[in-house]
Amino acid sequence: MKKYEKGDKPPYLLGLLCLIPLVGAFVGVGLILYGIFKYKDKLLTCFGILGLVITIVVYSYLAHQLKYGKDETKSFNIIARREINMLKNDLELYKKKYGIYPDSLEQVRLINESSIIDDPFLVRKMDKSIKTKFFYIKDGGYYKLFSVGADQIQNTNDDIYPDK
């Protein structure tokens, strides 16, 4: 083991800061650099790496929970229900003004420019290759409108329909 002169001991106690996510990442980078270049100390470098790993793991977990957690699914249900009911009102206003329901949800914006026509369950996927709009089919004097729900599959038990 390497002997250090007085006052030249590696700052191992700073490694405790690595246990704090985000702060640990910044401290970790510093400890890695100190461990490699200044002190040439493997333990200090390991503390720095640990700080980075803890931050990455914690924030990855949080991001996953924000996107797919049970509580977030409940929140998306509430949002989808509110937005689909507002969209239903806009569809009825469109019919009142033009005498028929629109052929597509985009046409609803003629009545209300701020109409939300995207299904929050599909938007949260952040996949530009999929259609993100609420499911809408015009059938003569009627229409079918719903959100695909948490499973993001049409015509399943978790689909969300407008209130009657």
C-alpha atoms as a PDB file:
ATOM      1  CA  MET A   1       0.000   0.000   0.000  1.00  0.00           C
ATOM      2  CA  LYS A   2       1.270   3.445  -0.876  1.00  0.00           C
ATOM      3  CA  LYS A   3       2.285   5.773   1.977  1.00  0.00           C
ATOM      4  CA  TYR A   4       1.091   9.357   1.656  1.00  0.00           C
ATOM      5  CA  GLU A   5       2.665  12.438   3.106  1.00  0.00           C
ATOM      6  CA  LYS A   6       0.727  14.413   5.718  1.00  0.00           C
ATOM      7  CA  GLY A   7      -2.122  16.288   4.067  1.00  0.00           C
ATOM      8  CA  ASP A   8      -1.699  14.263   0.874  1.00  0.00           C
ATOM      9  CA  LYS A   9      -4.076  11.423   1.762  1.00  0.00           C
ATOM     10  CA  PRO A  10      -6.775  10.625  -0.841  1.00  0.00           C
ATOM     11  CA  PRO A  11     -10.174  12.135   0.055  1.00  0.00           C
ATOM     12  CA  TYR A  12     -11.950   8.840   0.739  1.00  0.00           C
ATOM     13  CA  LEU A  13     -14.640  10.549   2.828  1.00  0.00           C
ATOM     14  CA  LEU A  14     -15.812  12.371  -0.298  1.00  0.00           C
ATOM     15  CA  GLY A  15     -16.846   8.911  -1.466  1.00  0.00           C
ATOM     16  CA  LEU A  16     -19.818   9.173   0.892  1.00  0.00           C
ATOM     17  CA  LEU A  17     -21.212  11.896  -1.363  1.00  0.00           C
ATOM     18  CA  CYS A  18     -21.329   9.298  -4.121  1.00  0.00           C
ATOM     19  CA  LEU A  19     -24.298   7.737  -2.351  1.00  0.00           C
ATOM     20  CA  ILE A  20     -26.398  10.797  -3.233  1.00  0.00           C
ATOM     21  CA  PRO A  21     -27.779  10.483  -6.777  1.00  0.00           C
ATOM     22  CA  LEU A  22     -26.726  13.244  -9.187  1.00  0.00           C
ATOM     23  CA  VAL A  23     -24.365  14.803  -6.636  1.00  0.00           C
ATOM     24  CA  GLY A  24     -22.609  11.443  -6.617  1.00  0.00           C
ATOM     25  CA  ALA A  25     -22.122  11.609 -10.369  1.00  0.00           C
ATOM     26  CA  PHE A  26     -20.292  14.921 -10.201  1.00  0.00           C
ATOM     27  CA  VAL A  27     -18.265  13.910  -7.175  1.00  0.00           C
ATOM     28  CA  GLY A  28     -17.648  10.549  -8.839  1.00  0.00           C
ATOM     29  CA  VAL A  29     -16.107  12.149 -11.913  1.00  0.00           C
ATOM     30  CA  GLY A  30     -13.852  14.201  -9.661  1.00  0.00           C
ATOM     31  CA  LEU A  31     -12.824  11.162  -7.626  1.00  0.00           C
ATOM     32  CA  ILE A  32     -12.110   9.170 -10.765  1.00  0.00           C
ATOM     33  CA  LEU A  33      -9.864  11.925 -12.063  1.00  0.00           C
ATOM     34  CA  TYR A  34      -8.143  12.322  -8.684  1.00  0.00           C
ATOM     35  CA  GLY A  35      -7.788   8.554  -8.330  1.00  0.00           C
ATOM     36  CA  ILE A  36      -6.206   8.146 -11.736  1.00  0.00           C
ATOM     37  CA  PHE A  37      -4.080  11.260 -12.142  1.00  0.00           C
ATOM     38  CA  LYS A  38      -3.287  12.763  -8.759  1.00  0.00           C
ATOM     39  CA  TYR A  39      -3.252   9.926  -6.214  1.00  0.00           C
ATOM     40  CA  LYS A  40      -2.984   6.900  -8.530  1.00  0.00           C
ATOM     41  CA  ASP A  41      -5.313   5.154  -6.090  1.00  0.00           C
ATOM     42  CA  LYS A  42      -7.602   2.322  -7.230  1.00  0.00           C
ATOM     43  CA  LEU A  43      -9.942   2.589  -4.227  1.00  0.00           C
ATOM     44  CA  LEU A  44     -10.587   6.293  -4.862  1.00  0.00           C
ATOM     45  CA  THR A  45     -11.239   5.536  -8.535  1.00  0.00           C
ATOM     46  CA  CYS A  46     -13.681   2.777  -7.506  1.00  0.00           C
ATOM     47  CA  PHE A  47     -15.544   5.233  -5.259  1.00  0.00           C
ATOM     48  CA  GLY A  48     -15.873   7.563  -8.235  1.00  0.00           C
ATOM     49  CA  ILE A  49     -17.193   4.791 -10.482  1.00  0.00           C
ATOM     50  CA  LEU A  50     -19.641   3.785  -7.755  1.00  0.00           C
ATOM     51  CA  GLY A  51     -20.976   7.364  -7.667  1.00  0.00           C
ATOM     52  CA  LEU A  52     -21.640   7.299 -11.402  1.00  0.00           C
ATOM     53  CA  VAL A  53     -23.244   3.857 -11.280  1.00  0.00           C
ATOM     54  CA  ILE A  54     -25.559   4.788  -8.386  1.00  0.00           C
ATOM     55  CA  THR A  55     -26.760   7.893 -10.234  1.00  0.00           C
ATOM     56  CA  ILE A  56     -27.377   5.975 -13.456  1.00  0.00           C
ATOM     57  CA  VAL A  57     -29.271   3.181 -11.678  1.00  0.00           C
ATOM     58  CA  VAL A  58     -31.431   5.508  -9.576  1.00  0.00           C
ATOM     59  CA  TYR A  59     -32.394   7.798 -12.455  1.00  0.00           C
ATOM     60  CA  SER A  60     -33.036   4.874 -14.815  1.00  0.00           C
ATOM     61  CA  TYR A  61     -35.377   3.367 -12.248  1.00  0.00           C
ATOM     62  CA  LEU A  62     -37.171   6.687 -11.731  1.00  0.00           C
ATOM     63  CA  ALA A  63     -37.564   7.220 -15.474  1.00  0.00           C
ATOM     64  CA  HIS A  64     -39.014   3.743 -15.860  1.00  0.00           C
ATOM     65  CA  GLN A  65     -41.444   4.298 -12.975  1.00  0.00           C
ATOM     66  CA  LEU A  66     -42.535   7.652 -14.382  1.00  0.00           C
ATOM     67  CA  LYS A  67     -43.321   6.036 -17.688  1.00  0.00           C
ATOM     68  CA  TYR A  68     -44.688   2.634 -16.695  1.00  0.00           C
ATOM     69  CA  GLY A  69     -45.397   2.638 -12.951  1.00  0.00           C
ATOM     70  CA  LYS A  70     -48.800   1.709 -11.502  1.00  0.00           C
ATOM     71  CA  ASP A  71     -49.487   5.217 -10.165  1.00  0.00           C
ATOM     72  CA  GLU A  72     -48.576   6.767 -13.494  1.00  0.00           C
ATOM     73  CA  THR A  73     -50.985   4.441 -15.277  1.00  0.00           C
ATOM     74  CA  LYS A  74     -53.759   5.700 -12.991  1.00  0.00           C
ATOM     75  CA  SER A  75     -52.754   9.271 -13.818  1.00  0.00           C
ATOM     76  CA  PHE A  76     -52.770   8.551 -17.546  1.00  0.00           C
ATOM     77  CA  ASN A  77     -56.234   7.009 -17.154  1.00  0.00           C
ATOM     78  CA  ILE A  78     -57.500  10.233 -15.573  1.00  0.00           C
ATOM     79  CA  ILE A  79     -55.864  12.361 -18.267  1.00  0.00           C
ATOM     80  CA  ALA A  80     -57.180  10.178 -21.100  1.00  0.00           C
ATOM     81  CA  ARG A  81     -60.711  10.194 -19.670  1.00  0.00           C
ATOM     82  CA  ARG A  82     -60.706  13.980 -19.312  1.00  0.00           C
ATOM     83  CA  GLU A  83     -59.290  14.579 -22.781  1.00  0.00           C
ATOM     84  CA  ILE A  84     -61.585  12.106 -24.533  1.00  0.00           C
ATOM     85  CA  ASN A  85     -64.629  13.731 -22.910  1.00  0.00           C
ATOM     86  CA  MET A  86     -63.479  17.171 -24.063  1.00  0.00           C
ATOM     87  CA  LEU A  87     -62.908  15.731 -27.541  1.00  0.00           C
ATOM     88  CA  LYS A  88     -66.428  14.239 -27.488  1.00  0.00           C
ATOM     89  CA  ASN A  89     -67.795  17.729 -26.751  1.00  0.00           C
ATOM     90  CA  ASP A  90     -65.809  19.137 -29.662  1.00  0.00           C
ATOM     91  CA  LEU A  91     -67.183  16.408 -31.948  1.00  0.00           C
ATOM     92  CA  GLU A  92     -70.720  17.345 -30.919  1.00  0.00           C
ATOM     93  CA  LEU A  93     -69.999  21.041 -31.547  1.00  0.00           C
ATOM     94  CA  TYR A  94     -68.644  20.133 -34.978  1.00  0.00           C
ATOM     95  CA  LYS A  95     -71.823  18.203 -35.785  1.00  0.00           C
ATOM     96  CA  LYS A  96     -73.960  21.082 -34.562  1.00  0.00           C
ATOM     97  CA  LYS A  97     -72.103  23.534 -36.817  1.00  0.00           C
ATOM     98  CA  TYR A  98     -71.647  21.383 -39.954  1.00  0.00           C
ATOM     99  CA  GLY A  99     -74.532  18.906 -39.621  1.00  0.00           C
ATOM    100  CA  ILE A 100     -72.290  15.819 -39.714  1.00  0.00           C
ATOM    101  CA  TYR A 101     -69.449  14.378 -37.692  1.00  0.00           C
ATOM    102  CA  PRO A 102     -65.953  15.024 -39.034  1.00  0.00           C
ATOM    103  CA  ASP A 103     -64.196  12.445 -41.195  1.00  0.00           C
ATOM    104  CA  SER A 104     -61.052  12.696 -39.062  1.00  0.00           C
ATOM    105  CA  LEU A 105     -60.062  14.069 -35.686  1.00  0.00           C
ATOM    106  CA  GLU A 106     -57.912  16.731 -37.351  1.00  0.00           C
ATOM    107  CA  GLN A 107     -61.109  18.370 -38.641  1.00  0.00           C
ATOM    108  CA  VAL A 108     -62.261  18.948 -35.046  1.00  0.00           C
ATOM    109  CA  ARG A 109     -59.648  21.667 -34.862  1.00  0.00           C
ATOM    110  CA  LEU A 110     -61.862  23.755 -37.152  1.00  0.00           C
ATOM    111  CA  ILE A 111     -64.123  24.139 -34.108  1.00  0.00           C
ATOM    112  CA  ASN A 112     -61.449  24.273 -31.421  1.00  0.00           C
ATOM    113  CA  GLU A 113     -57.813  24.813 -32.416  1.00  0.00           C
ATOM    114  CA  SER A 114     -56.617  23.530 -29.047  1.00  0.00           C
ATOM    115  CA  SER A 115     -58.480  20.209 -29.232  1.00  0.00           C
ATOM    116  CA  ILE A 116     -56.319  17.391 -27.946  1.00  0.00           C
ATOM    117  CA  ILE A 117     -56.600  14.511 -30.383  1.00  0.00           C
ATOM    118  CA  ASP A 118     -53.584  12.471 -29.238  1.00  0.00           C
ATOM    119  CA  ASP A 119     -54.059   9.545 -26.887  1.00  0.00           C
ATOM    120  CA  PRO A 120     -51.779  10.093 -23.857  1.00  0.00           C
ATOM    121  CA  PHE A 121     -51.110   6.343 -23.609  1.00  0.00           C
ATOM    122  CA  LEU A 122     -49.684   6.308 -27.125  1.00  0.00           C
ATOM    123  CA  VAL A 123     -47.857   9.618 -26.844  1.00  0.00           C
ATOM    124  CA  ARG A 124     -45.914   8.425 -23.804  1.00  0.00           C
ATOM    125  CA  LYS A 125     -44.278   5.717 -25.927  1.00  0.00           C
ATOM    126  CA  MET A 126     -42.417   8.492 -27.744  1.00  0.00           C
ATOM    127  CA  ASP A 127     -42.294   6.324 -30.853  1.00  0.00           C
ATOM    128  CA  LYS A 128     -42.698   8.432 -33.974  1.00  0.00           C
ATOM    129  CA  SER A 129     -43.489   5.366 -36.079  1.00  0.00           C
ATOM    130  CA  ILE A 130     -46.884   4.764 -34.459  1.00  0.00           C
ATOM    131  CA  LYS A 131     -50.145   6.645 -34.807  1.00  0.00           C
ATOM    132  CA  THR A 132     -50.747   8.542 -31.547  1.00  0.00           C
ATOM    133  CA  LYS A 133     -54.287   9.792 -32.048  1.00  0.00           C
ATOM    134  CA  PHE A 134     -57.358   8.575 -30.192  1.00  0.00           C
ATOM    135  CA  PHE A 135     -59.124   5.785 -32.070  1.00  0.00           C
ATOM    136  CA  TYR A 136     -61.920   7.383 -34.128  1.00  0.00           C
ATOM    137  CA  ILE A 137     -64.174   5.918 -36.803  1.00  0.00           C
ATOM    138  CA  LYS A 138     -67.117   7.763 -38.305  1.00  0.00           C
ATOM    139  CA  ASP A 139     -70.019   5.477 -39.139  1.00  0.00           C
ATOM    140  CA  GLY A 140     -72.818   7.442 -40.766  1.00  0.00           C
ATOM    141  CA  GLY A 141     -74.574   9.477 -38.086  1.00  0.00           C
ATOM    142  CA  TYR A 142     -72.516   7.855 -35.313  1.00  0.00           C
ATOM    143  CA  TYR A 143     -68.892   7.474 -34.387  1.00  0.00           C
ATOM    144  CA  LYS A 144     -66.648   5.303 -32.263  1.00  0.00           C
ATOM    145  CA  LEU A 145     -64.082   7.112 -30.124  1.00  0.00           C
ATOM    146  CA  PHE A 146     -61.807   5.626 -27.486  1.00  0.00           C
ATOM    147  CA  SER A 147     -58.358   5.520 -25.924  1.00  0.00           C
ATOM    148  CA  VAL A 148     -56.417   2.272 -26.173  1.00  0.00           C
ATOM    149  CA  GLY A 149     -55.679   2.325 -22.431  1.00  0.00           C
ATOM    150  CA  ALA A 150     -52.620   1.128 -20.573  1.00  0.00           C
ATOM    151  CA  ASP A 151     -52.040  -2.006 -22.655  1.00  0.00           C
ATOM    152  CA  GLN A 152     -52.025   0.163 -25.815  1.00  0.00           C
ATOM    153  CA  ILE A 153     -54.044  -2.451 -27.710  1.00  0.00           C
ATOM    154  CA  GLN A 154     -57.402  -1.654 -29.328  1.00  0.00           C
ATOM    155  CA  ASN A 155     -60.616  -3.374 -28.275  1.00  0.00           C
ATOM    156  CA  THR A 156     -59.488  -4.714 -24.900  1.00  0.00           C
ATOM    157  CA  ASN A 157     -60.980  -4.345 -21.415  1.00  0.00           C
ATOM    158  CA  ASP A 158     -58.869  -1.329 -20.474  1.00  0.00           C
ATOM    159  CA  ASP A 159     -60.005   0.872 -23.395  1.00  0.00           C
ATOM    160  CA  ILE A 160     -61.395   4.228 -22.258  1.00  0.00           C
ATOM    161  CA  TYR A 161     -64.581   5.558 -23.820  1.00  0.00           C
ATOM    162  CA  PRO A 162     -66.190   8.989 -23.406  1.00  0.00           C
ATOM    163  CA  ASP A 163     -68.865   9.362 -20.722  1.00  0.00           C
ATOM    164  CA  LYS A 164     -72.399   9.142 -22.039  1.00  0.00           C
END
